Amino acid sequence: MRSEKKTITVFGSSKPREGDEEYTTAYKLGCLLAENGFNVCSGGFGGIMEAVSKGTIEHGGEAIGITFNFWGSQPNKYVTKEIKCDTLLQRIQKLVDCGDAYVILQGGTGTLLELAVVWEFSNKGLMDHKPILCHSDLWKEITLIMNQQMAYEGRGIDLVKTYDTVDEIVSQLKKII
């Protein structure tokens, strides 16, 4: 049973550690989301997933971790509810299903895959459109290029929005959810 609070699925790298700028950004996002009445959902492991979970639970929110057996990885200690999946594809689908909106922080190919999935599902009408909000210069460049291609193909543009700060992201989420 889902909580009455809206849940924001956060995607991002598993590499940042406490003290890194990306970790601090994710932690702040978790704090702000919880302070504004949101729960978070993430892949449940380390890095950005840990940071956003930590910030969320320290400020009264729930931190859902969608995990799968990935080289014996254990969920981070801040996950308040774990949902285990058998495969990476099941995990991605569950992350998509759990979110009322999606925030994409700095990341690599895994994060790119997650962004591509929610973008394509929204673009093709395979799910109701939910807000997709990105943070970092990396995603600004990618969304700019992709929107040019989408316009060329006659498809919807601006399904993905980019922001400079997590404060702007949370402010936008409060307005649209």
C-alpha atoms as a PDB file:
ATOM      1  CA  MET A   1       0.000   0.000   0.000  1.00  0.00           C
ATOM      2  CA  ARG A   2       1.379   3.379  -1.002  1.00  0.00           C
ATOM      3  CA  SER A   3       1.736   6.245   1.385  1.00  0.00           C
ATOM      4  CA  GLU A   4      -0.556   9.239   0.870  1.00  0.00           C
ATOM      5  CA  LYS A   5       2.539  11.373   0.362  1.00  0.00           C
ATOM      6  CA  LYS A   6       3.747  11.721  -3.201  1.00  0.00           C
ATOM      7  CA  THR A   7       6.903   9.813  -4.026  1.00  0.00           C
ATOM      8  CA  ILE A   8       9.752  11.247  -6.053  1.00  0.00           C
ATOM      9  CA  THR A   9      12.004   8.712  -7.761  1.00  0.00           C
ATOM     10  CA  VAL A  10      15.586   9.966  -7.758  1.00  0.00           C
ATOM     11  CA  PHE A  11      18.153   8.624 -10.216  1.00  0.00           C
ATOM     12  CA  GLY A  12      21.887   9.212  -9.927  1.00  0.00           C
ATOM     13  CA  SER A  13      25.355   7.767  -9.615  1.00  0.00           C
ATOM     14  CA  SER A  14      26.342   5.147  -7.061  1.00  0.00           C
ATOM     15  CA  LYS A  15      29.900   6.534  -6.927  1.00  0.00           C
ATOM     16  CA  PRO A  16      29.791   9.769  -4.860  1.00  0.00           C
ATOM     17  CA  ARG A  17      30.771   9.463  -1.217  1.00  0.00           C
ATOM     18  CA  GLU A  18      30.028  11.634   1.798  1.00  0.00           C
ATOM     19  CA  GLY A  19      31.912  14.915   1.368  1.00  0.00           C
ATOM     20  CA  ASP A  20      31.663  14.882  -2.438  1.00  0.00           C
ATOM     21  CA  GLU A  21      29.667  17.715  -4.041  1.00  0.00           C
ATOM     22  CA  GLU A  22      27.267  15.287  -5.747  1.00  0.00           C
ATOM     23  CA  TYR A  23      26.592  13.498  -2.430  1.00  0.00           C
ATOM     24  CA  THR A  24      25.952  16.812  -0.694  1.00  0.00           C
ATOM     25  CA  THR A  25      23.565  17.880  -3.476  1.00  0.00           C
ATOM     26  CA  ALA A  26      21.625  14.612  -3.198  1.00  0.00           C
ATOM     27  CA  TYR A  27      21.504  14.859   0.595  1.00  0.00           C
ATOM     28  CA  LYS A  28      20.124  18.401   0.354  1.00  0.00           C
ATOM     29  CA  LEU A  29      17.534  17.225  -2.172  1.00  0.00           C
ATOM     30  CA  GLY A  30      16.405  14.488   0.224  1.00  0.00           C
ATOM     31  CA  CYS A  31      16.110  16.995   3.077  1.00  0.00           C
ATOM     32  CA  LEU A  32      14.107  19.444   0.988  1.00  0.00           C
ATOM     33  CA  LEU A  33      11.804  16.766  -0.415  1.00  0.00           C
ATOM     34  CA  ALA A  34      10.969  15.427   3.043  1.00  0.00           C
ATOM     35  CA  GLU A  35      10.530  18.923   4.501  1.00  0.00           C
ATOM     36  CA  ASN A  36       7.996  19.592   1.727  1.00  0.00           C
ATOM     37  CA  GLY A  37       5.974  16.436   2.281  1.00  0.00           C
ATOM     38  CA  PHE A  38       7.494  14.071  -0.268  1.00  0.00           C
ATOM     39  CA  ASN A  39       8.903  10.572   0.091  1.00  0.00           C
ATOM     40  CA  VAL A  40      11.736   9.337  -2.093  1.00  0.00           C
ATOM     41  CA  CYS A  41      12.368   6.215  -4.072  1.00  0.00           C
ATOM     42  CA  SER A  42      15.807   5.258  -5.366  1.00  0.00           C
ATOM     43  CA  GLY A  43      17.812   2.234  -6.380  1.00  0.00           C
ATOM     44  CA  GLY A  44      18.585   1.771  -2.693  1.00  0.00           C
ATOM     45  CA  PHE A  45      22.348   1.341  -2.867  1.00  0.00           C
ATOM     46  CA  GLY A  46      25.225   3.821  -2.318  1.00  0.00           C
ATOM     47  CA  GLY A  47      26.248   7.213  -3.611  1.00  0.00           C
ATOM     48  CA  ILE A  48      23.415   9.502  -4.593  1.00  0.00           C
ATOM     49  CA  MET A  49      20.885   6.824  -3.619  1.00  0.00           C
ATOM     50  CA  GLU A  50      22.285   6.749  -0.080  1.00  0.00           C
ATOM     51  CA  ALA A  51      22.559  10.524   0.225  1.00  0.00           C
ATOM     52  CA  VAL A  52      18.994  11.259  -0.877  1.00  0.00           C
ATOM     53  CA  SER A  53      17.680   8.498   1.414  1.00  0.00           C
ATOM     54  CA  LYS A  54      19.663   9.849   4.368  1.00  0.00           C
ATOM     55  CA  GLY A  55      18.394  13.390   3.863  1.00  0.00           C
ATOM     56  CA  THR A  56      14.853  12.153   3.516  1.00  0.00           C
ATOM     57  CA  ILE A  57      14.663  10.009   6.638  1.00  0.00           C
ATOM     58  CA  GLU A  58      16.476  12.609   8.744  1.00  0.00           C
ATOM     59  CA  HIS A  59      13.644  15.000   7.881  1.00  0.00           C
ATOM     60  CA  GLY A  60      10.668  12.690   8.406  1.00  0.00           C
ATOM     61  CA  GLY A  61      10.179  11.109   4.997  1.00  0.00           C
ATOM     62  CA  GLU A  62      10.175   7.527   3.813  1.00  0.00           C
ATOM     63  CA  ALA A  63      13.090   6.245   1.709  1.00  0.00           C
ATOM     64  CA  ILE A  64      12.062   3.381  -0.555  1.00  0.00           C
ATOM     65  CA  GLY A  65      14.881   1.349  -2.083  1.00  0.00           C
ATOM     66  CA  ILE A  66      14.262  -0.729  -5.198  1.00  0.00           C
ATOM     67  CA  THR A  67      17.037  -3.300  -5.230  1.00  0.00           C
ATOM     68  CA  PHE A  68      18.135  -6.420  -7.036  1.00  0.00           C
ATOM     69  CA  ASN A  69      20.966  -8.870  -6.509  1.00  0.00           C
ATOM     70  CA  PHE A  70      23.758  -6.816  -8.021  1.00  0.00           C
ATOM     71  CA  TRP A  71      27.077  -8.465  -7.191  1.00  0.00           C
ATOM     72  CA  GLY A  72      25.887  -9.099  -3.633  1.00  0.00           C
ATOM     73  CA  SER A  73      25.172  -5.426  -2.894  1.00  0.00           C
ATOM     74  CA  GLN A  74      23.185  -4.599   0.202  1.00  0.00           C
ATOM     75  CA  PRO A  75      20.769  -1.661   0.474  1.00  0.00           C
ATOM     76  CA  ASN A  76      22.066   1.421   2.238  1.00  0.00           C
ATOM     77  CA  LYS A  77      21.219   1.781   5.929  1.00  0.00           C
ATOM     78  CA  TYR A  78      18.820   4.670   5.316  1.00  0.00           C
ATOM     79  CA  VAL A  79      16.303   2.694   3.268  1.00  0.00           C
ATOM     80  CA  THR A  80      13.082   2.425   5.280  1.00  0.00           C
ATOM     81  CA  LYS A  81      11.355   0.076   2.840  1.00  0.00           C
ATOM     82  CA  GLU A  82      13.094  -2.289   0.430  1.00  0.00           C
ATOM     83  CA  ILE A  83      11.441  -3.753  -2.648  1.00  0.00           C
ATOM     84  CA  LYS A  84      13.547  -6.527  -4.151  1.00  0.00           C
ATOM     85  CA  CYS A  85      13.529  -7.289  -7.866  1.00  0.00           C
ATOM     86  CA  ASP A  86      15.029 -10.226  -9.725  1.00  0.00           C
ATOM     87  CA  THR A  87      16.546  -8.340 -12.669  1.00  0.00           C
ATOM     88  CA  LEU A  88      17.795  -4.901 -13.628  1.00  0.00           C
ATOM     89  CA  LEU A  89      14.888  -4.431 -16.039  1.00  0.00           C
ATOM     90  CA  GLN A  90      12.343  -5.289 -13.338  1.00  0.00           C
ATOM     91  CA  ARG A  91      14.103  -2.848 -11.031  1.00  0.00           C
ATOM     92  CA  ILE A  92      13.936  -0.045 -13.580  1.00  0.00           C
ATOM     93  CA  GLN A  93      10.236  -0.705 -14.204  1.00  0.00           C
ATOM     94  CA  LYS A  94       9.531  -0.625 -10.454  1.00  0.00           C
ATOM     95  CA  LEU A  95      11.467   2.636 -10.062  1.00  0.00           C
ATOM     96  CA  VAL A  96       9.323   4.101 -12.838  1.00  0.00           C
ATOM     97  CA  ASP A  97       6.095   2.747 -11.351  1.00  0.00           C
ATOM     98  CA  CYS A  98       6.820   4.097  -7.850  1.00  0.00           C
ATOM     99  CA  GLY A  99       7.467   7.677  -8.912  1.00  0.00           C
ATOM    100  CA  ASP A 100       4.928  10.466  -9.076  1.00  0.00           C
ATOM    101  CA  ALA A 101       7.794  12.471 -10.589  1.00  0.00           C
ATOM    102  CA  TYR A 102      11.445  11.858 -11.433  1.00  0.00           C
ATOM    103  CA  VAL A 103      14.561  13.783 -10.482  1.00  0.00           C
ATOM    104  CA  ILE A 104      17.741  12.930 -12.317  1.00  0.00           C
ATOM    105  CA  LEU A 105      20.994  13.924 -10.653  1.00  0.00           C
ATOM    106  CA  GLN A 106      24.534  13.522 -11.949  1.00  0.00           C
ATOM    107  CA  GLY A 107      25.298  10.004 -13.147  1.00  0.00           C
ATOM    108  CA  GLY A 108      26.716   7.724 -15.781  1.00  0.00           C
ATOM    109  CA  THR A 109      25.256   5.216 -18.217  1.00  0.00           C
ATOM    110  CA  GLY A 110      22.903   3.667 -15.643  1.00  0.00           C
ATOM    111  CA  THR A 111      21.407   7.067 -14.893  1.00  0.00           C
ATOM    112  CA  LEU A 112      21.251   7.822 -18.613  1.00  0.00           C
ATOM    113  CA  LEU A 113      19.324   4.574 -19.109  1.00  0.00           C
ATOM    114  CA  GLU A 114      16.863   5.522 -16.374  1.00  0.00           C
ATOM    115  CA  LEU A 115      16.350   8.994 -17.841  1.00  0.00           C
ATOM    116  CA  ALA A 116      15.887   7.492 -21.308  1.00  0.00           C
ATOM    117  CA  VAL A 117      13.259   5.059 -20.016  1.00  0.00           C
ATOM    118  CA  VAL A 118      11.069   7.687 -18.312  1.00  0.00           C
ATOM    119  CA  TRP A 119      11.535  10.073 -21.251  1.00  0.00           C
ATOM    120  CA  GLU A 120      10.607   7.449 -23.835  1.00  0.00           C
ATOM    121  CA  PHE A 121       7.664   6.099 -21.825  1.00  0.00           C
ATOM    122  CA  SER A 122       6.330   9.645 -21.542  1.00  0.00           C
ATOM    123  CA  ASN A 123       7.086  10.468 -25.180  1.00  0.00           C
ATOM    124  CA  LYS A 124       5.325   7.361 -26.483  1.00  0.00           C
ATOM    125  CA  GLY A 125       2.367   7.624 -24.096  1.00  0.00           C
ATOM    126  CA  LEU A 126       3.305   4.344 -22.414  1.00  0.00           C
ATOM    127  CA  MET A 127       2.613   6.028 -19.088  1.00  0.00           C
ATOM    128  CA  ASP A 128       0.809   9.144 -18.018  1.00  0.00           C
ATOM    129  CA  HIS A 129       3.204  12.066 -18.271  1.00  0.00           C
ATOM    130  CA  LYS A 130       4.891  12.699 -14.960  1.00  0.00           C
ATOM    131  CA  PRO A 131       7.348  15.518 -14.311  1.00  0.00           C
ATOM    132  CA  ILE A 132      10.962  14.753 -15.265  1.00  0.00           C
ATOM    133  CA  LEU A 133      13.406  17.217 -13.703  1.00  0.00           C
ATOM    134  CA  CYS A 134      17.173  17.115 -14.218  1.00  0.00           C
ATOM    135  CA  HIS A 135      20.031  18.713 -12.318  1.00  0.00           C
ATOM    136  CA  SER A 136      23.533  19.187 -13.762  1.00  0.00           C
ATOM    137  CA  ASP A 137      25.159  20.615 -16.846  1.00  0.00           C
ATOM    138  CA  LEU A 138      25.447  17.097 -18.282  1.00  0.00           C
ATOM    139  CA  TRP A 139      21.668  16.742 -18.548  1.00  0.00           C
ATOM    140  CA  LYS A 140      21.280  20.303 -19.880  1.00  0.00           C
ATOM    141  CA  GLU A 141      23.463  19.376 -22.844  1.00  0.00           C
ATOM    142  CA  ILE A 142      21.747  16.044 -23.440  1.00  0.00           C
ATOM    143  CA  THR A 143      18.224  17.477 -23.234  1.00  0.00           C
ATOM    144  CA  LEU A 144      19.137  20.338 -25.568  1.00  0.00           C
ATOM    145  CA  ILE A 145      20.445  17.925 -28.200  1.00  0.00           C
ATOM    146  CA  MET A 146      17.549  15.485 -27.760  1.00  0.00           C
ATOM    147  CA  ASN A 147      14.947  18.252 -27.983  1.00  0.00           C
ATOM    148  CA  GLN A 148      16.490  19.349 -31.283  1.00  0.00           C
ATOM    149  CA  GLN A 149      16.146  15.786 -32.559  1.00  0.00           C
ATOM    150  CA  MET A 150      12.602  15.489 -31.197  1.00  0.00           C
ATOM    151  CA  ALA A 151      11.618  18.703 -32.970  1.00  0.00           C
ATOM    152  CA  TYR A 152      13.174  17.409 -36.199  1.00  0.00           C
ATOM    153  CA  GLU A 153      11.118  14.212 -35.839  1.00  0.00           C
ATOM    154  CA  GLY A 154       7.932  16.167 -35.108  1.00  0.00           C
ATOM    155  CA  ARG A 155       7.650  14.780 -31.581  1.00  0.00           C
ATOM    156  CA  GLY A 156       6.883  16.496 -28.309  1.00  0.00           C
ATOM    157  CA  ILE A 157       9.684  18.580 -26.920  1.00  0.00           C
ATOM    158  CA  ASP A 158      10.409  19.852 -23.442  1.00  0.00           C
ATOM    159  CA  LEU A 159       9.154  16.730 -21.656  1.00  0.00           C
ATOM    160  CA  VAL A 160      12.326  16.950 -19.582  1.00  0.00           C
ATOM    161  CA  LYS A 161      13.155  20.138 -17.688  1.00  0.00           C
ATOM    162  CA  THR A 162      16.578  21.123 -16.380  1.00  0.00           C
ATOM    163  CA  TYR A 163      17.394  23.157 -13.277  1.00  0.00           C
ATOM    164  CA  ASP A 164      20.506  24.682 -11.746  1.00  0.00           C
ATOM    165  CA  THR A 165      19.674  23.943  -8.102  1.00  0.00           C
ATOM    166  CA  VAL A 166      17.781  21.371  -6.090  1.00  0.00           C
ATOM    167  CA  ASP A 167      15.916  24.266  -4.457  1.00  0.00           C
ATOM    168  CA  GLU A 168      14.463  25.101  -7.887  1.00  0.00           C
ATOM    169  CA  ILE A 169      13.561  21.440  -8.443  1.00  0.00           C
ATOM    170  CA  VAL A 170      11.671  21.137  -5.158  1.00  0.00           C
ATOM    171  CA  SER A 171       9.942  24.480  -5.727  1.00  0.00           C
ATOM    172  CA  GLN A 172       8.788  23.255  -9.133  1.00  0.00           C
ATOM    173  CA  LEU A 173       7.616  19.912  -7.715  1.00  0.00           C
ATOM    174  CA  LYS A 174       5.521  21.730  -5.100  1.00  0.00           C
ATOM    175  CA  LYS A 175       3.818  23.696  -7.894  1.00  0.00           C
ATOM    176  CA  ILE A 176       3.062  20.781 -10.214  1.00  0.00           C
ATOM    177  CA  ILE A 177       2.300  17.872  -7.902  1.00  0.00           C
END
